[in-house]
Amino acid sequence: MPEFGNLELFRAEAICYSYARHSHPSYSIGVIEAGIGGNYYRGTNYLAPSKSVIFMNPEEVHTGYSAEELPLTYRMVYPSIDFIQQIASDVQIRGFPYFKDAVVQNKVLARDILSLHVVLEQSNSRLAQQSQLIEVLSDILLNYADIKLQSIRLGKEHQSVRLIKEYLHDNLSSNISLEELGKITNLNRSYLIRVFRNAVGMPPYTYLNQIRVEKAKRLLRQGISIADAAIMVGMSDQSHLTRHFKRILGITPGRYRNMSRSFKTN
């Protein structure tokens, strides 16, 4: 379904896991079904009990964990920046939606997000999927989104950071060295790492592993084998990909391929 912009779903059931620091290229919207979710986000630790709604903006680094030793069950929806901007335009929001609050207590909205997730996951009705998705996202944007005057994707950041990001994305399958990044930015190694970490929330090698995992996700959804996907994204072998994949997503590539669902053009 092209209008869904390759929307991705995720469901975790009764997990006790701590996710490594990471970010998503999309928005993250979800609901805690059971347990207490915890995350470190924007310099603050947040706790989200059952029925809490979770909002996170694209490219913002965070962790995630099951708090107070309780098994955690939650569902997430990951709409792309372009798709959210389409919905914002539909409801006459001018600018770029930005969620100020990471955790919101609204039992009605939590119920609506849960219902939406189930419909997207299980229903064969395109009308039901479209209607609930547009309705829920519109409600969220109208009630919880602040507006940034500049796109999140094109926000102000150090020119060297942009150059490094572009180089890592363009050469993710290569064995990139710090010297290469130094040449394109004219920065010494120590300052380069510090500037990037301060802007992005993680050093360049961690960011590279993250975008490799994101690329591997797309390849796996296309039916590429795990071993081939690992080589195509620059990982040394399948076990190398599996290790980083699980650190970031909490599941193995094989399980991701079986449980994830992405909406594509029929």
Protein backbone atom coordinates (compact mmCIF):
# COMPACT_ATOMS: atom_id res chain seq x y z
CA MET A 1 0.00 0.00 0.00
CA PRO A 2 2.02 2.96 -1.25
CA GLU A 3 0.10 5.56 0.73
CA PHE A 4 1.32 3.92 3.94
CA GLY A 5 4.92 4.74 3.08
CA ASN A 6 6.29 1.30 4.01
CA LEU A 7 4.79 1.56 7.48
CA GLU A 8 6.37 -0.90 9.89
CA LEU A 9 4.86 -2.62 12.92
CA PHE A 10 6.54 -4.18 15.94
CA ARG A 11 5.11 -6.26 18.79
CA ALA A 12 7.00 -7.45 21.87
CA GLU A 13 5.45 -9.92 24.32
CA ALA A 14 6.63 -10.43 27.91
CA ILE A 15 10.24 -9.48 27.28
CA CYS A 16 12.93 -8.61 29.79
CA TYR A 17 15.47 -6.85 27.65
CA SER A 18 17.60 -3.72 27.48
CA TYR A 19 18.09 -2.16 24.04
CA ALA A 20 21.35 -0.48 23.12
CA ARG A 21 21.36 3.24 22.33
CA HIS A 22 19.82 3.71 18.90
CA SER A 23 17.46 5.88 16.87
CA HIS A 24 14.89 5.35 14.13
CA PRO A 25 14.62 7.12 10.76
CA SER A 26 10.85 7.18 11.29
CA TYR A 27 8.54 8.44 14.01
CA SER A 28 7.86 5.94 16.81
CA ILE A 29 4.34 5.67 18.23
CA GLY A 30 3.29 2.92 20.59
CA VAL A 31 1.43 1.68 23.62
CA ILE A 32 2.52 -0.30 26.67
CA GLU A 33 0.20 -3.29 27.15
CA ALA A 34 1.76 -4.80 30.28
CA GLY A 35 4.71 -4.14 32.54
CA ILE A 36 6.61 -0.87 32.81
CA GLY A 37 8.62 0.43 29.89
CA GLY A 38 11.72 2.50 30.56
CA ASN A 39 13.91 4.53 28.26
CA TYR A 40 16.65 7.11 28.42
CA TYR A 41 15.69 9.88 26.01
CA ARG A 42 16.82 13.51 25.68
CA GLY A 43 18.89 13.29 28.85
CA THR A 44 16.04 11.99 31.01
CA ASN A 45 14.89 8.56 32.18
CA TYR A 46 11.21 7.94 31.46
CA LEU A 47 8.99 5.25 32.95
CA ALA A 48 5.83 4.23 31.12
CA PRO A 49 3.37 1.99 32.98
CA SER A 50 0.67 -0.10 31.34
CA LYS A 51 -1.67 1.86 29.02
CA SER A 52 0.92 4.60 28.49
CA VAL A 53 1.37 6.03 25.00
CA ILE A 54 4.92 6.45 23.66
CA PHE A 55 6.03 9.16 21.20
CA MET A 56 9.54 9.55 19.78
CA ASN A 57 10.80 11.73 16.96
CA PRO A 58 12.98 10.55 14.05
CA GLU A 59 16.74 10.35 14.57
CA GLU A 60 16.54 10.97 18.33
CA VAL A 61 18.76 8.58 20.25
CA HIS A 62 17.23 6.53 23.06
CA THR A 63 17.46 3.25 24.93
CA GLY A 64 14.66 0.93 26.01
CA TYR A 65 14.24 -1.58 28.80
CA SER A 66 11.73 -3.46 30.93
CA ALA A 67 11.66 -1.61 34.24
CA GLU A 68 11.34 -2.97 37.78
CA GLU A 69 12.12 -6.50 36.59
CA LEU A 70 8.62 -6.85 35.12
CA PRO A 71 8.06 -8.58 31.75
CA LEU A 72 7.21 -5.93 29.17
CA THR A 73 4.60 -6.21 26.43
CA TYR A 74 4.15 -3.37 23.96
CA ARG A 75 3.23 -2.52 20.36
CA MET A 76 4.84 0.09 18.11
CA VAL A 77 3.97 1.73 14.80
CA TYR A 78 6.74 3.40 12.78
CA PRO A 79 5.34 5.91 10.24
CA SER A 80 7.84 7.63 7.96
CA ILE A 81 8.55 11.36 8.06
CA ASP A 82 6.94 11.79 4.63
CA PHE A 83 3.79 9.95 5.68
CA ILE A 84 3.39 11.97 8.89
CA GLN A 85 3.85 15.18 6.90
CA GLN A 86 1.12 14.06 4.50
CA ILE A 87 -1.28 13.56 7.42
CA ALA A 88 -0.22 16.89 8.92
CA SER A 89 -1.03 18.62 5.64
CA ASP A 90 -4.42 16.90 5.52
CA VAL A 91 -5.36 18.31 8.93
CA GLN A 92 -3.93 21.74 7.98
CA ILE A 93 -0.88 21.62 10.20
CA ARG A 94 1.83 23.79 8.69
CA GLY A 95 5.39 22.93 9.60
CA PHE A 96 7.03 19.73 10.80
CA PRO A 97 5.38 17.75 13.61
CA TYR A 98 7.53 17.27 16.70
CA PHE A 99 6.53 15.39 19.84
CA LYS A 100 7.59 17.21 23.00
CA ASP A 101 6.31 14.55 25.41
CA ALA A 102 7.84 11.08 25.26
CA VAL A 103 5.20 9.46 27.49
CA VAL A 104 1.51 10.38 27.56
CA GLN A 105 -1.23 9.06 29.83
CA ASN A 106 -4.41 8.72 27.77
CA LYS A 107 -6.28 5.43 28.09
CA VAL A 108 -8.62 6.20 25.18
CA LEU A 109 -5.71 6.93 22.83
CA ALA A 110 -3.85 3.85 24.10
CA ARG A 111 -6.89 1.75 23.25
CA ASP A 112 -7.14 3.33 19.80
CA ILE A 113 -3.46 2.68 19.02
CA LEU A 114 -3.80 -0.93 20.19
CA SER A 115 -6.88 -1.39 18.00
CA LEU A 116 -5.06 0.19 15.04
CA HIS A 117 -2.10 -2.14 15.48
CA VAL A 118 -4.35 -5.21 15.53
CA VAL A 119 -6.18 -4.06 12.39
CA LEU A 120 -2.95 -3.37 10.51
CA GLU A 121 -1.54 -6.71 11.60
CA GLN A 122 -4.56 -8.93 11.08
CA SER A 123 -7.25 -7.35 8.90
CA ASN A 124 -7.56 -7.94 5.17
CA SER A 125 -9.75 -4.86 4.75
CA ARG A 126 -7.81 -2.07 3.10
CA LEU A 127 -10.56 0.41 3.95
CA ALA A 128 -10.44 -0.53 7.65
CA GLN A 129 -6.65 -0.22 7.71
CA GLN A 130 -6.62 3.13 5.91
CA SER A 131 -9.48 4.60 7.92
CA GLN A 132 -8.12 3.70 11.35
CA LEU A 133 -4.56 4.70 10.49
CA ILE A 134 -5.55 8.13 9.19
CA GLU A 135 -7.98 8.72 12.05
CA VAL A 136 -5.53 7.78 14.82
CA LEU A 137 -2.56 9.65 13.36
CA SER A 138 -4.69 12.74 12.71
CA ASP A 139 -5.90 12.70 16.32
CA ILE A 140 -2.34 12.33 17.59
CA LEU A 141 -1.00 15.19 15.49
CA LEU A 142 -3.84 17.55 16.38
CA ASN A 143 -3.54 16.91 20.11
CA TYR A 144 0.11 16.14 20.82
CA ALA A 145 2.40 17.46 18.09
CA ASP A 146 4.26 20.73 18.39
CA ILE A 147 5.56 22.33 15.23
CA LYS A 148 9.14 22.88 14.18
CA LEU A 149 9.77 25.59 11.64
CA GLN A 150 12.43 23.46 10.01
CA SER A 151 12.29 19.85 8.93
CA ILE A 152 13.68 17.32 11.38
CA ARG A 153 15.45 15.72 8.45
CA LEU A 154 17.02 19.03 7.38
CA GLY A 155 17.52 20.53 10.80
CA LYS A 156 20.54 22.61 11.63
CA GLU A 157 23.59 20.60 12.50
CA HIS A 158 27.30 20.87 12.09
CA GLN A 159 28.27 20.69 8.41
CA SER A 160 30.84 18.04 9.24
CA VAL A 161 28.15 15.87 10.81
CA ARG A 162 26.11 16.04 7.60
CA LEU A 163 29.16 15.11 5.55
CA ILE A 164 29.92 12.13 7.80
CA LYS A 165 26.31 10.92 7.72
CA GLU A 166 26.17 11.16 3.95
CA TYR A 167 29.48 9.33 3.58
CA LEU A 168 28.41 6.53 5.94
CA HIS A 169 25.09 6.06 4.12
CA ASP A 170 26.75 6.09 0.70
CA ASN A 171 29.52 3.67 1.71
CA LEU A 172 27.90 1.49 4.35
CA SER A 173 29.09 -1.76 2.76
CA SER A 174 32.73 -0.60 2.82
CA ASN A 175 35.30 -0.97 5.59
CA ILE A 176 35.28 2.75 6.41
CA SER A 177 38.18 4.22 8.37
CA LEU A 178 38.38 7.23 10.66
CA GLU A 179 41.03 8.63 8.32
CA GLU A 180 38.49 8.71 5.47
CA LEU A 181 36.07 10.70 7.62
CA GLY A 182 38.89 13.04 8.59
CA LYS A 183 39.69 13.74 4.96
CA ILE A 184 36.15 14.72 4.02
CA THR A 185 35.71 16.96 7.09
CA ASN A 186 39.22 18.29 7.66
CA LEU A 187 38.85 17.48 11.35
CA ASN A 188 41.30 15.61 13.55
CA ARG A 189 40.12 12.24 14.82
CA SER A 190 39.36 13.19 18.41
CA TYR A 191 37.45 16.34 17.53
CA LEU A 192 35.56 14.54 14.74
CA ILE A 193 34.29 11.87 17.14
CA ARG A 194 33.36 14.47 19.76
CA VAL A 195 31.46 16.68 17.30
CA PHE A 196 29.55 13.73 15.87
CA ARG A 197 28.69 12.25 19.27
CA ASN A 198 27.48 15.59 20.60
CA ALA A 199 25.24 16.14 17.56
CA VAL A 200 23.92 12.62 16.99
CA GLY A 201 24.11 11.03 20.43
CA MET A 202 26.43 8.22 19.37
CA PRO A 203 29.89 7.91 17.77
CA PRO A 204 30.27 7.31 14.01
CA TYR A 205 30.89 3.54 14.27
CA THR A 206 27.69 3.04 16.30
CA TYR A 207 25.73 5.12 13.79
CA LEU A 208 27.21 3.04 10.96
CA ASN A 209 26.09 -0.20 12.58
CA GLN A 210 22.61 1.25 13.01
CA ILE A 211 22.20 2.22 9.36
CA ARG A 212 23.57 -1.19 8.37
CA VAL A 213 20.86 -2.83 10.45
CA GLU A 214 18.21 -0.56 8.87
CA LYS A 215 19.44 -1.56 5.41
CA ALA A 216 19.47 -5.24 6.42
CA LYS A 217 15.84 -4.94 7.52
CA ARG A 218 14.85 -3.76 4.04
CA LEU A 219 16.83 -6.57 2.40
CA LEU A 220 15.26 -9.20 4.63
CA ARG A 221 11.78 -7.94 3.76
CA GLN A 222 12.72 -8.39 0.10
CA GLY A 223 13.51 -12.05 0.70
CA ILE A 224 17.32 -11.76 0.79
CA SER A 225 18.94 -14.41 3.01
CA ILE A 226 20.45 -13.34 6.31
CA ALA A 227 23.94 -14.36 5.20
CA ASP A 228 23.69 -12.42 1.95
CA ALA A 229 22.17 -9.39 3.70
CA ALA A 230 25.08 -9.36 6.13
CA ILE A 231 27.62 -9.18 3.31
CA MET A 232 25.60 -6.60 1.36
CA VAL A 233 25.57 -4.18 4.32
CA GLY A 234 29.24 -4.58 5.12
CA MET A 235 29.03 -7.00 8.05
CA SER A 236 31.73 -9.68 8.10
CA ASP A 237 29.26 -12.57 8.39
CA GLN A 238 25.79 -13.61 9.54
CA SER A 239 26.74 -13.80 13.21
CA HIS A 240 28.12 -10.25 13.08
CA LEU A 241 24.81 -8.96 11.69
CA THR A 242 22.81 -11.00 14.18
CA ARG A 243 24.74 -9.57 17.12
CA HIS A 244 24.18 -5.94 16.13
CA PHE A 245 20.62 -6.60 14.94
CA LYS A 246 19.64 -8.01 18.33
CA ARG A 247 21.41 -5.27 20.29
CA ILE A 248 19.40 -2.61 18.47
CA LEU A 249 16.06 -4.32 17.83
CA GLY A 250 15.96 -6.95 20.56
CA ILE A 251 15.29 -9.78 18.10
CA THR A 252 17.31 -11.84 15.64
CA PRO A 253 17.19 -11.20 11.87
CA GLY A 254 15.36 -14.49 11.39
CA ARG A 255 12.65 -13.63 13.85
CA TYR A 256 12.34 -10.14 12.41
CA ARG A 257 11.77 -11.57 8.95
CA ASN A 258 9.01 -13.82 10.32
CA MET A 259 7.20 -11.34 12.54
CA SER A 260 7.57 -7.94 10.93
CA ARG A 261 5.13 -6.68 8.38
CA SER A 262 5.73 -3.89 5.94
CA PHE A 263 3.15 -2.44 3.60
CA LYS A 264 4.27 -2.31 -0.02
CA THR A 265 2.75 -1.73 -3.42
CA ASN A 266 0.60 -4.68 -4.41
